[in-house]
Every structure is written in structure tokens, then in C-alpha cells.
N, C-alpha and C. Protein backbone atom coordinates (compact mmCIF):
# COMPACT_ATOMS: atom_id res chain seq x y z
N MET A 1 108.47 166.64 123.47
CA MET A 1 109.49 165.88 122.95
C MET A 1 110.45 165.08 122.58
N TRP A 2 110.60 164.21 123.86
CA TRP A 2 110.77 162.67 124.14
C TRP A 2 109.45 161.76 124.20
N MET A 3 108.57 162.22 124.55
CA MET A 3 107.64 161.53 123.98
C MET A 3 107.26 161.00 123.05
N CYS A 4 107.56 162.06 121.92
CA CYS A 4 107.33 162.40 120.59
C CYS A 4 107.92 161.53 119.89
N LEU A 5 109.26 161.77 120.31
CA LEU A 5 110.13 160.76 119.82
C LEU A 5 109.81 159.14 119.60
N LEU A 6 109.67 158.56 120.89
CA LEU A 6 109.19 157.49 121.38
C LEU A 6 108.07 157.11 120.68
N THR A 7 107.11 158.12 120.23
CA THR A 7 105.95 157.71 119.62
C THR A 7 106.63 157.60 118.01
N LEU A 8 107.38 158.33 118.08
CA LEU A 8 107.26 157.99 116.25
C LEU A 8 108.34 157.02 116.03
N SER A 9 109.45 156.34 117.20
CA SER A 9 110.45 155.06 117.22
C SER A 9 109.58 154.06 117.04
N PHE A 10 108.83 154.06 117.72
CA PHE A 10 108.33 152.54 118.75
C PHE A 10 106.53 152.81 116.89
N ALA A 11 106.19 153.44 116.63
CA ALA A 11 105.01 153.28 115.57
C ALA A 11 105.91 153.16 113.50
N GLN A 12 107.38 153.55 113.95
CA GLN A 12 108.51 152.61 112.80
C GLN A 12 109.00 151.48 112.52
N ASP A 13 108.69 150.65 113.49
CA ASP A 13 109.06 149.75 114.48
C ASP A 13 107.91 148.38 114.00
N VAL A 14 106.66 148.77 114.23
CA VAL A 14 105.55 148.04 114.23
C VAL A 14 105.88 148.63 112.56
N GLU A 15 105.73 149.53 111.96
CA GLU A 15 105.13 149.19 110.60
C GLU A 15 105.91 148.32 109.70
N THR A 16 107.53 148.29 110.20
CA THR A 16 108.78 147.57 109.85
C THR A 16 108.64 145.99 109.98
N GLU A 17 108.05 145.95 110.80
CA GLU A 17 108.08 144.69 111.70
C GLU A 17 108.31 143.41 110.57
N VAL A 18 108.37 142.49 110.40
CA VAL A 18 107.71 141.43 109.31
C VAL A 18 107.23 140.48 110.59
N PRO A 19 106.50 139.99 109.22
CA PRO A 19 105.45 138.25 110.36
C PRO A 19 106.90 137.28 109.70
N ALA A 20 106.69 136.42 110.85
CA ALA A 20 107.38 135.38 111.56
C ALA A 20 107.09 134.41 110.08
N PRO A 21 108.04 133.53 109.18
CA PRO A 21 107.06 132.57 107.68
C PRO A 21 106.74 131.29 108.51
N ARG A 22 105.39 131.45 108.20
CA ARG A 22 104.17 130.49 108.08
C ARG A 22 105.16 128.78 107.54
N LEU A 23 105.31 129.41 106.01
CA LEU A 23 105.35 127.95 105.05
C LEU A 23 106.95 127.81 105.04
N GLU A 24 107.27 126.88 105.02
CA GLU A 24 108.49 126.07 104.46
C GLU A 24 108.41 124.85 103.49
N LEU A 25 109.04 125.32 102.33
CA LEU A 25 109.35 124.58 101.06
C LEU A 25 110.52 124.00 101.26
N SER A 26 111.17 122.17 101.53
CA SER A 26 112.70 121.39 101.10
C SER A 26 112.29 120.91 99.66
N PHE A 27 113.43 120.78 99.57
CA PHE A 27 113.34 120.06 98.59
C PHE A 27 115.15 119.06 98.97
N GLY A 28 115.27 117.75 98.84
CA GLY A 28 116.23 117.15 99.51
C GLY A 28 116.60 115.66 98.73
N SER A 29 116.89 114.81 99.81
CA SER A 29 117.60 113.36 98.94
C SER A 29 116.84 111.96 100.06
N GLY A 30 116.74 111.52 99.93
CA GLY A 30 117.05 110.10 101.06
C GLY A 30 117.50 108.94 100.81
N LEU A 31 117.58 108.20 101.19
CA LEU A 31 118.71 106.88 101.24
C LEU A 31 117.34 105.75 101.71
N LEU A 32 116.51 105.11 101.35
CA LEU A 32 115.37 104.18 101.47
C LEU A 32 116.27 102.56 101.37
N PHE A 33 116.33 102.39 102.63
CA PHE A 33 116.55 100.93 102.97
C PHE A 33 116.22 100.14 102.99
N VAL A 34 115.75 99.33 101.45
CA VAL A 34 115.18 98.27 101.06
C VAL A 34 115.65 97.02 101.11
N GLU A 35 115.16 95.98 101.26
CA GLU A 35 115.35 94.01 101.23
C GLU A 35 114.94 94.01 100.14
N GLN A 36 116.42 93.38 99.25
CA GLN A 36 116.32 92.77 98.36
C GLN A 36 116.40 91.32 98.03
N THR A 37 116.44 90.70 97.51
CA THR A 37 116.51 89.05 97.28
C THR A 37 118.03 89.13 96.59
N PHE A 38 118.83 88.39 96.45
CA PHE A 38 119.93 87.99 95.23
C PHE A 38 120.62 86.51 95.18
N ALA A 39 120.60 86.11 93.89
CA ALA A 39 121.03 85.02 93.94
C ALA A 39 122.37 84.89 94.97
N SER A 40 122.65 83.52 95.62
CA SER A 40 123.31 83.13 96.23
C SER A 40 124.67 82.38 95.55
N GLY A 41 126.00 83.36 95.76
CA GLY A 41 126.62 82.63 94.58
C GLY A 41 126.55 82.05 93.74
N GLY A 42 125.58 82.95 92.54
CA GLY A 42 125.26 82.63 91.06
C GLY A 42 124.69 81.06 90.74
N LEU A 43 123.60 80.36 91.97
CA LEU A 43 122.73 79.71 91.59
C LEU A 43 121.16 80.43 91.69
N GLN A 44 120.78 79.07 91.02
CA GLN A 44 119.74 80.10 90.47
C GLN A 44 118.84 79.18 92.28
N ASN A 45 118.77 78.05 92.60
CA ASN A 45 117.47 77.82 93.87
C ASN A 45 118.03 78.78 94.90
N GLN A 46 119.37 79.09 95.31
CA GLN A 46 119.51 79.86 96.39
C GLN A 46 119.23 81.41 96.72
N THR A 47 119.23 81.68 97.67
CA THR A 47 118.74 83.31 97.48
C THR A 47 118.94 83.60 98.68
N GLN A 48 119.55 85.00 98.35
CA GLN A 48 120.02 85.54 100.33
C GLN A 48 119.55 87.60 100.18
N GLU A 49 119.17 87.83 101.46
CA GLU A 49 117.89 88.97 101.45
C GLU A 49 119.04 89.84 102.03
N ARG A 50 119.30 90.65 101.41
CA ARG A 50 120.21 92.20 101.89
C ARG A 50 119.96 93.34 101.30
N VAL A 51 120.11 94.20 102.75
CA VAL A 51 119.33 95.23 102.87
C VAL A 51 120.22 96.37 101.70
N VAL A 52 120.24 97.21 100.73
CA VAL A 52 120.41 97.93 99.95
C VAL A 52 119.90 99.10 99.94
N PRO A 53 120.74 100.38 99.95
CA PRO A 53 119.93 101.54 100.09
C PRO A 53 119.93 101.68 98.41
N VAL A 54 118.48 102.55 98.25
CA VAL A 54 117.83 103.06 97.27
C VAL A 54 117.81 104.94 97.20
N PRO A 55 118.32 105.39 95.95
CA PRO A 55 118.88 107.16 96.61
C PRO A 55 116.87 107.13 96.36
N SER A 56 116.95 108.30 96.69
CA SER A 56 115.69 108.83 96.13
C SER A 56 115.31 110.58 96.25
N TRP A 57 114.32 111.19 95.61
CA TRP A 57 114.55 112.30 95.73
C TRP A 57 113.02 112.89 96.89
N LEU A 58 113.09 114.19 97.17
CA LEU A 58 111.83 114.09 98.52
C LEU A 58 111.65 115.85 98.25
N LEU A 59 110.27 115.50 98.80
CA LEU A 59 110.10 116.84 98.49
C LEU A 59 109.32 117.43 99.52
N LEU A 60 109.20 117.97 100.92
CA LEU A 60 108.35 118.63 101.90
C LEU A 60 108.31 119.91 102.33
N GLY A 61 106.71 119.85 102.92
CA GLY A 61 105.94 121.02 102.93
C GLY A 61 105.67 121.18 104.09
N GLU A 62 105.69 122.13 105.00
CA GLU A 62 105.37 122.75 105.81
C GLU A 62 104.26 123.90 106.58
N TYR A 63 103.56 124.07 106.84
CA TYR A 63 102.92 125.18 107.47
C TYR A 63 102.64 124.62 108.79
N MET A 64 103.50 126.23 109.82
CA MET A 64 103.16 126.12 110.48
C MET A 64 101.89 126.74 111.00
N TRP A 65 101.42 126.80 112.22
CA TRP A 65 100.18 127.41 112.99
C TRP A 65 100.60 127.49 114.53
N SER A 66 101.52 127.02 114.88
CA SER A 66 102.66 127.86 115.89
C SER A 66 103.31 127.81 116.46
N PRO A 67 103.94 128.67 117.42
CA PRO A 67 106.02 127.54 117.19
C PRO A 67 106.78 126.42 117.00
N ARG A 68 105.76 125.41 117.93
CA ARG A 68 105.88 124.49 118.56
C ARG A 68 105.14 123.38 117.26
N TRP A 69 103.92 123.32 116.88
CA TRP A 69 103.23 122.24 115.83
C TRP A 69 103.43 122.44 114.65
N SER A 70 103.54 121.93 113.86
CA SER A 70 103.10 122.84 112.21
C SER A 70 102.71 120.76 111.73
N SER A 71 101.51 121.22 109.91
CA SER A 71 101.10 120.60 109.53
C SER A 71 102.02 120.10 108.72
N THR A 72 102.49 118.88 107.17
CA THR A 72 103.80 118.36 107.27
C THR A 72 103.13 117.95 106.10
N VAL A 73 103.27 117.72 104.43
CA VAL A 73 102.92 116.98 103.82
C VAL A 73 104.80 116.74 102.81
N MET A 74 104.98 115.58 102.24
CA MET A 74 105.88 115.07 102.01
C MET A 74 105.85 114.32 100.60
N LEU A 75 106.52 113.82 99.66
CA LEU A 75 106.39 112.98 98.23
C LEU A 75 107.69 112.86 98.07
N ASN A 76 108.31 111.57 98.35
CA ASN A 76 109.50 110.61 98.01
C ASN A 76 109.41 109.75 96.55
N VAL A 77 110.10 110.35 95.78
CA VAL A 77 110.57 109.51 94.91
C VAL A 77 111.37 108.62 94.49
N PRO A 78 111.33 107.56 94.65
CA PRO A 78 112.66 106.27 94.36
C PRO A 78 113.66 107.45 92.85
N LEU A 79 114.63 106.82 93.19
CA LEU A 79 115.45 107.20 91.58
C LEU A 79 116.09 106.08 91.39
N SER A 80 115.84 104.62 91.35
CA SER A 80 116.13 103.87 90.70
C SER A 80 115.60 102.58 91.53
N THR A 81 115.64 101.14 90.80
CA THR A 81 115.05 99.95 91.20
C THR A 81 114.93 99.25 91.73
N VAL A 82 114.66 98.15 92.42
CA VAL A 82 114.88 97.05 93.11
C VAL A 82 115.08 95.48 92.23
N GLN A 83 116.10 94.99 92.96
CA GLN A 83 116.39 93.65 92.32
C GLN A 83 115.26 92.50 93.25
N ARG A 84 115.05 91.98 92.19
CA ARG A 84 113.93 90.68 92.58
C ARG A 84 114.60 89.69 91.70
N ILE A 85 113.58 88.23 92.64
CA ILE A 85 114.52 87.01 92.10
C ILE A 85 112.68 86.52 91.99
N ASP A 86 112.08 86.15 90.89
CA ASP A 86 110.67 85.18 90.66
C ASP A 86 110.71 83.93 90.92
N GLN A 87 109.99 83.37 90.97
CA GLN A 87 109.80 81.75 91.57
C GLN A 87 110.34 80.65 90.30
N ASN A 88 110.82 81.18 88.99
CA ASN A 88 111.96 80.73 88.21
C ASN A 88 113.31 81.01 88.30
N GLY A 89 113.48 82.03 90.08
CA GLY A 89 115.48 82.30 89.76
C GLY A 89 115.54 82.88 88.87
N GLU A 90 114.83 83.82 88.28
CA GLU A 90 115.31 84.35 87.87
C GLU A 90 115.55 85.93 88.12
N ILE A 91 116.55 86.76 87.89
CA ILE A 91 116.92 87.74 88.46
C ILE A 91 116.12 89.33 87.35
N PHE A 92 115.40 89.57 88.52
CA PHE A 92 114.71 91.06 87.65
C PHE A 92 114.94 92.11 88.03
N GLU A 93 114.96 93.33 87.52
CA GLU A 93 115.03 95.04 88.35
C GLU A 93 113.06 95.32 88.79
N GLY A 94 113.30 94.83 89.83
CA GLY A 94 111.83 95.41 89.74
C GLY A 94 111.44 97.33 90.49
N HIS A 95 109.99 97.90 90.35
CA HIS A 95 109.19 99.34 90.50
C HIS A 95 109.85 98.99 91.93
N SER A 96 110.25 100.66 92.15
CA SER A 96 110.25 101.14 93.07
C SER A 96 108.95 101.85 93.00
N ALA A 97 108.26 101.83 94.46
CA ALA A 97 106.35 102.70 94.28
C ALA A 97 107.07 103.99 94.80
N ALA A 98 106.17 105.61 94.11
CA ALA A 98 106.58 106.76 94.98
C ALA A 98 105.69 106.32 96.31
N ALA A 99 106.00 107.37 97.15
CA ALA A 99 105.07 107.63 98.21
C ALA A 99 105.29 109.07 98.83
N VAL A 100 103.56 109.15 99.44
CA VAL A 100 103.33 110.70 99.51
C VAL A 100 102.53 110.43 101.06
N GLY A 101 102.88 111.15 102.07
CA GLY A 101 102.67 111.11 103.31
C GLY A 101 102.28 112.96 103.67
N VAL A 102 101.22 112.65 104.84
CA VAL A 102 99.95 113.25 105.53
C VAL A 102 100.33 113.97 106.50
N GLY A 103 100.80 114.59 107.59
CA GLY A 103 100.39 114.66 109.32
C GLY A 103 100.91 115.78 109.83
N ALA A 104 101.31 115.75 110.88
CA ALA A 104 101.62 116.75 111.88
C ALA A 104 103.18 116.29 112.65
N ALA A 105 103.93 117.34 112.78
CA ALA A 105 104.84 117.56 113.07
C ALA A 105 105.08 118.61 114.97
N PHE A 106 106.32 118.47 115.40
CA PHE A 106 105.77 118.90 116.96
C PHE A 106 107.69 118.73 117.08
N SER A 107 108.12 119.92 117.29
CA SER A 107 109.24 120.72 117.28
C SER A 107 109.35 120.98 119.28
N PRO A 108 109.93 120.59 119.80
CA PRO A 108 110.01 120.39 121.48
C PRO A 108 110.53 121.74 122.56
N PHE A 109 111.64 122.58 121.09
CA PHE A 109 111.72 123.20 121.71
C PHE A 109 112.64 124.50 119.93
N ASN A 110 112.61 125.11 120.63
CA ASN A 110 113.63 126.07 119.56
C ASN A 110 115.16 126.85 120.26
N LEU A 111 115.94 126.60 119.30
CA LEU A 111 117.49 126.65 120.83
C LEU A 111 118.30 127.26 119.53
N PRO A 112 118.08 129.60 119.73
CA PRO A 112 119.09 130.44 119.20
C PRO A 112 120.12 129.25 118.96
N VAL A 113 120.77 129.36 118.11
CA VAL A 113 122.18 129.21 117.39
C VAL A 113 123.53 130.37 116.94
N LEU A 114 124.41 130.56 117.38
CA LEU A 114 124.63 131.95 117.56
C LEU A 114 124.24 133.08 116.88
N SER A 115 123.43 133.66 117.74
CA SER A 115 122.60 134.67 117.21
C SER A 115 122.04 134.52 115.74
N GLN A 116 122.45 133.68 114.90
CA GLN A 116 122.40 133.80 113.65
C GLN A 116 121.11 133.03 113.06
N ALA A 117 120.85 131.90 113.53
CA ALA A 117 120.47 130.86 113.23
C ALA A 117 119.55 130.43 114.70
N THR A 118 118.60 128.66 113.81
CA THR A 118 118.07 128.86 115.08
C THR A 118 117.84 127.32 114.88
N PHE A 119 118.34 125.95 116.01
CA PHE A 119 118.24 124.44 115.52
C PHE A 119 116.76 124.65 116.33
N ARG A 120 115.81 123.01 115.29
CA ARG A 120 114.73 123.27 115.65
C ARG A 120 114.70 121.53 115.72
N PRO A 121 114.94 120.49 116.32
CA PRO A 121 114.68 119.21 116.55
C PRO A 121 113.04 118.76 116.35
N GLN A 122 112.86 117.73 115.66
CA GLN A 122 111.52 117.69 115.01
C GLN A 122 110.81 116.66 114.98
N LEU A 123 109.68 116.15 115.52
CA LEU A 123 108.91 114.72 115.26
C LEU A 123 107.99 115.02 114.91
N ALA A 124 107.96 114.00 113.62
CA ALA A 124 106.80 113.96 113.06
C ALA A 124 105.39 112.67 112.41
N LEU A 125 104.92 112.20 112.57
CA LEU A 125 103.80 111.63 112.40
C LEU A 125 103.38 111.46 111.36
N LEU A 126 102.96 110.53 110.43
CA LEU A 126 102.46 110.61 109.25
C LEU A 126 101.60 109.34 108.38
N GLY A 127 100.45 109.41 107.53
CA GLY A 127 99.33 108.64 106.91
C GLY A 127 100.59 108.61 105.98
N GLY A 128 100.95 107.71 105.13
CA GLY A 128 101.34 107.73 103.97
C GLY A 128 100.86 106.89 103.37
N ARG A 129 101.39 106.55 101.21
CA ARG A 129 100.16 105.44 100.60
C ARG A 129 100.92 106.21 99.51
N THR A 130 101.63 104.84 98.81
CA THR A 130 102.32 104.44 97.74
C THR A 130 101.42 105.06 96.54
N LEU A 131 102.50 105.52 95.43
CA LEU A 131 102.39 105.83 94.74
C LEU A 131 102.36 104.68 93.51
N ASN A 132 101.18 104.53 92.64
CA ASN A 132 101.81 103.50 91.06
C ASN A 132 102.81 102.90 91.61
N ASP A 133 102.08 101.95 92.43
CA ASP A 133 103.13 100.48 93.01
C ASP A 133 102.45 99.26 92.09
N LEU A 134 103.27 98.66 91.29
CA LEU A 134 102.61 98.03 90.12
C LEU A 134 101.81 96.78 90.57
N GLU A 135 101.65 96.07 91.94
CA GLU A 135 100.87 95.67 92.93
C GLU A 135 100.12 95.93 93.25
N LYS A 136 100.77 96.26 94.64
CA LYS A 136 99.40 96.72 95.30
C LYS A 136 99.80 98.44 95.96
N ASN A 137 98.78 99.25 95.65
CA ASN A 137 99.28 100.88 96.66
C ASN A 137 98.70 100.54 97.81
N VAL A 138 99.31 101.05 98.77
CA VAL A 138 99.19 100.22 100.68
C VAL A 138 99.12 101.62 100.92
N PHE A 139 98.15 101.88 102.39
CA PHE A 139 98.62 102.85 103.21
C PHE A 139 99.13 102.35 104.64
N PHE A 140 99.78 102.92 105.05
CA PHE A 140 100.86 103.19 106.03
C PHE A 140 101.65 104.30 107.57
N PRO A 141 101.54 103.39 107.86
CA PRO A 141 102.11 104.85 109.28
C PRO A 141 103.48 105.02 108.65
N MET A 142 104.30 106.63 109.80
CA MET A 142 105.04 106.62 109.51
C MET A 142 105.59 107.58 110.33
N VAL A 143 106.94 107.28 110.80
CA VAL A 143 107.45 108.79 111.75
C VAL A 143 108.38 109.06 111.64
N VAL A 144 108.95 110.35 111.56
CA VAL A 144 110.14 111.17 111.20
C VAL A 144 110.73 112.30 112.27
N SER A 145 111.71 111.93 112.34
CA SER A 145 112.61 112.75 112.64
C SER A 145 114.01 113.49 112.30
N ARG A 146 113.79 115.08 112.87
CA ARG A 146 114.61 115.65 111.48
C ARG A 146 114.75 116.57 112.67
N MET A 147 116.16 116.81 112.49
CA MET A 147 117.87 117.57 113.09
C MET A 147 117.10 119.16 111.76
N VAL A 148 116.42 120.25 112.41
CA VAL A 148 116.81 121.85 111.13
C VAL A 148 117.15 122.51 112.08
N LEU A 149 118.09 123.51 111.65
CA LEU A 149 118.73 124.85 111.64
C LEU A 149 118.36 125.62 110.47
N VAL A 150 117.06 126.88 110.92
CA VAL A 150 116.96 127.68 110.02
C VAL A 150 117.85 128.58 110.30
N SER A 151 118.12 129.13 109.09
CA SER A 151 119.09 130.82 109.55
C SER A 151 117.65 131.78 109.53
N HIS A 152 118.75 133.43 109.73
CA HIS A 152 116.77 134.39 110.34
C HIS A 152 116.47 134.93 108.63
N SER A 153 117.09 134.60 107.81
CA SER A 153 117.24 134.79 106.50
C SER A 153 116.02 133.75 106.26
N GLY A 154 115.60 132.59 106.75
CA GLY A 154 114.67 131.43 106.18
C GLY A 154 115.10 130.82 105.83
N THR A 155 116.72 130.33 105.44
CA THR A 155 116.86 128.96 104.60
C THR A 155 117.31 128.20 105.89
N SER A 156 116.89 127.28 105.53
CA SER A 156 117.19 125.95 106.45
C SER A 156 117.64 124.87 105.96
N LEU A 157 118.30 123.68 106.73
CA LEU A 157 118.94 122.73 106.36
C LEU A 157 118.97 121.34 107.10
N TYR A 158 118.08 120.61 106.77
CA TYR A 158 117.98 119.45 107.83
C TYR A 158 118.34 118.20 107.54
N GLY A 159 118.31 117.73 107.94
CA GLY A 159 118.94 115.92 108.45
C GLY A 159 118.48 115.06 109.28
N GLY A 160 117.68 113.82 109.32
CA GLY A 160 117.40 113.12 110.00
C GLY A 160 116.66 111.63 109.23
N VAL A 161 116.31 111.11 109.79
CA VAL A 161 115.72 109.71 109.54
C VAL A 161 114.20 109.74 109.87
N ALA A 162 113.95 108.62 108.98
CA ALA A 162 112.80 107.99 108.38
C ALA A 162 111.61 106.67 108.64
N TYR A 163 110.70 105.95 109.11
CA TYR A 163 110.69 104.96 108.95
C TYR A 163 108.86 104.72 108.50
N ALA A 164 108.74 104.18 107.46
CA ALA A 164 107.22 103.76 107.11
C ALA A 164 107.16 102.16 107.69
N PHE A 165 106.67 101.76 108.12
CA PHE A 165 105.80 101.39 109.33
C PHE A 165 105.07 99.85 108.51
N GLY A 166 104.92 100.09 107.94
CA GLY A 166 103.77 99.01 106.97
C GLY A 166 104.80 98.62 105.31
N GLU A 167 105.67 99.48 105.22
CA GLU A 167 106.69 98.88 104.04
C GLU A 167 107.68 98.46 104.86
N GLU A 168 107.48 98.69 106.59
CA GLU A 168 109.31 98.22 106.95
C GLU A 168 109.95 98.75 106.09
N THR A 169 110.75 100.18 106.00
CA THR A 169 111.65 101.03 105.31
C THR A 169 112.24 101.70 106.11
N LEU A 170 113.62 101.65 106.18
CA LEU A 170 114.28 102.95 107.50
C LEU A 170 114.22 103.53 105.84
N ALA A 171 114.51 105.33 106.16
CA ALA A 171 114.90 106.08 105.26
C ALA A 171 115.67 106.94 106.18
N VAL A 172 117.53 107.58 105.25
CA VAL A 172 117.98 108.94 105.81
C VAL A 172 117.67 109.76 104.99
N ILE A 173 117.21 111.05 105.73
CA ILE A 173 116.75 112.17 104.63
C ILE A 173 117.39 113.17 104.68
N TYR A 174 117.83 114.49 103.79
CA TYR A 174 118.81 115.57 103.86
C TYR A 174 118.18 116.74 103.30
N GLY A 175 118.61 117.85 103.17
CA GLY A 175 117.87 118.31 102.17
C GLY A 175 117.92 119.97 103.13
N ILE A 176 117.79 120.91 101.83
CA ILE A 176 117.84 122.25 101.74
C ILE A 176 116.40 123.19 101.94
N GLY A 177 115.56 123.89 102.40
CA GLY A 177 114.56 124.34 102.35
C GLY A 177 115.05 125.74 103.22
N HIS A 178 113.43 126.33 102.36
CA HIS A 178 113.14 127.76 103.26
C HIS A 178 112.03 128.38 103.52
N ARG A 179 112.27 128.84 104.38
CA ARG A 179 110.74 129.83 104.41
C ARG A 179 110.16 131.22 104.62
N PHE A 180 109.27 131.16 103.47
CA PHE A 180 108.01 132.12 103.31
C PHE A 180 107.04 132.61 105.06
């Protein structure tokens, strides 16, 4: 009789077991620290370079093919323009190009937090490309470091930094997502 009950309880656990989520979609924001040129002291011929944050909208997709490795897709759309000064000394608002990236991410460990969530530091290497740039679209390598907190219900929060080498742009990123 005990064997029969044990078999029934094991069979019920197997049928109700939910597979681990494989796909994560995240919506977030970023601050792109871009070097911008400004007139110095109101004089046309004297300029100075300043790093000014440009807000952006961020969409991340991740497919987890193992507990530590995943494929990553990113879309970053700047929400404001960049100020530039042309050869004549006139200030104009320049276009900020959107960027897309594809690559792989690695999580060295998954640490349980208060038995309700998991902390996953993540390092990703991506190949990126600017889109709709008025001057030229360029390819660039990018490294991303994220600290991700995932609840057992699938909701995730993240914060981190990204650096695009070809564009020499540092970004602070943060957002919320869900695992399916």
C-alpha cells in the first residue's frame, strides 16, 4: 500500500512539474554617455567637449540554452538628440542612431536569495551595428555586465553597464523583464 501511494505521489509530481523558463524579454532604459561639442563661453571659434547622458529605450531578448549560457539580442533607441558644432561654428542638434546587437551571455553562478529569487551576475559579448545613422552605419563590439534578480514567478530586475568599443560609448542600463 505504501508503495502504491509513493508511486501515485511521484507520478503526480512528474505531471505537474513546470519546465524551466527558456526565454526572457526585458524592457528598460539606458543613459548613453556620449561626448558632445559645445561653444565655450559663447564664442563661435572656441569649443569644448563634454560628456552628456542621452536617455534611451532598451529592449533585450535572451534565450537560455543552459543554466549558465544564453543567446542575447538587444535593441537600443536614443530618445534625444546630440548637440554638435559644424565647421562654421553653428550649433545644431545631431541625430542619435539606434543600435542593434547579437551575442552570447555567461552567468558564472546563480545564487538563491531568501528562497524567493535568484541573483545572476551576467557578462555578455555582442556584435552591434548602428541603424539609421545619417552619416554612416558602423559595426562595433560591445561588452555588457548586468546584475539580474529573478523571482521564482519569472519576473526579473536588472541593472548594469555596457560599453560599445567602436562608438566609444558607455551606457548605464536598467529595466524589468519576464521569463517564459
